[in-house]
Amino acid sequence: MTRFLLGLLLVTLLQTTLAHRLGVAGIRPDLYLLFLFFLSFRASPEVATAMGFLLGLYQDAFSGAPFGLHAFALSAGGFALSRVAEGVDASRVFPRLVLLAGSGLAVGSLTHLLLHFFRLGPPVGALLTVVLPTALYTALLGAAILGARQLKARLEVRL
């Protein structure tokens, strides 16, 4: 639990201070989703749902979005990620990246469609101009992290 809370604080700090500097053409990675993705491989669906809810509450508090929007989307995403992760071989990178990109599309689409439904957000066309690039950018960042972890593991074996 302590690791989760420290990770939550670190992700919040990075998302609020560093993510805008990583932005390309206004598209920033979703570090909350990325953190939830890595946690979901080790958690039961119930725990992943709770972690997604807490991550979403923090994201809502700092994003200016309607309170509860990201909490709902990330809790649903945490549940789905944990269930699907049970059938994914954790040692293979490509299926994990497809799962990360798919979860980014699903969570981003759910968020944007809810905002559109309540007439609070961008039009549905933003799914192609915001959600898709954000999901791909988050997946690329996830690929870099997974690659770094595999490189570290290989170097440790050689030493």
Foldseek 3Di string as FASTA:
>chain_A
DVVLVVVLVVLLVCVQPPQVVVDDPNAGADSLLLVLLVVLLPDALVVSLVSQLVSQQSCCVRVVPPHPLSSVLRSVLSNVSNVVSVVDDPVDLVVSLVSQLVSLLRSVLSSQVVCVVVVNDDDNVVSVVHSNVNSVVNSVVSSVVVVVVVVVVVVVVVD
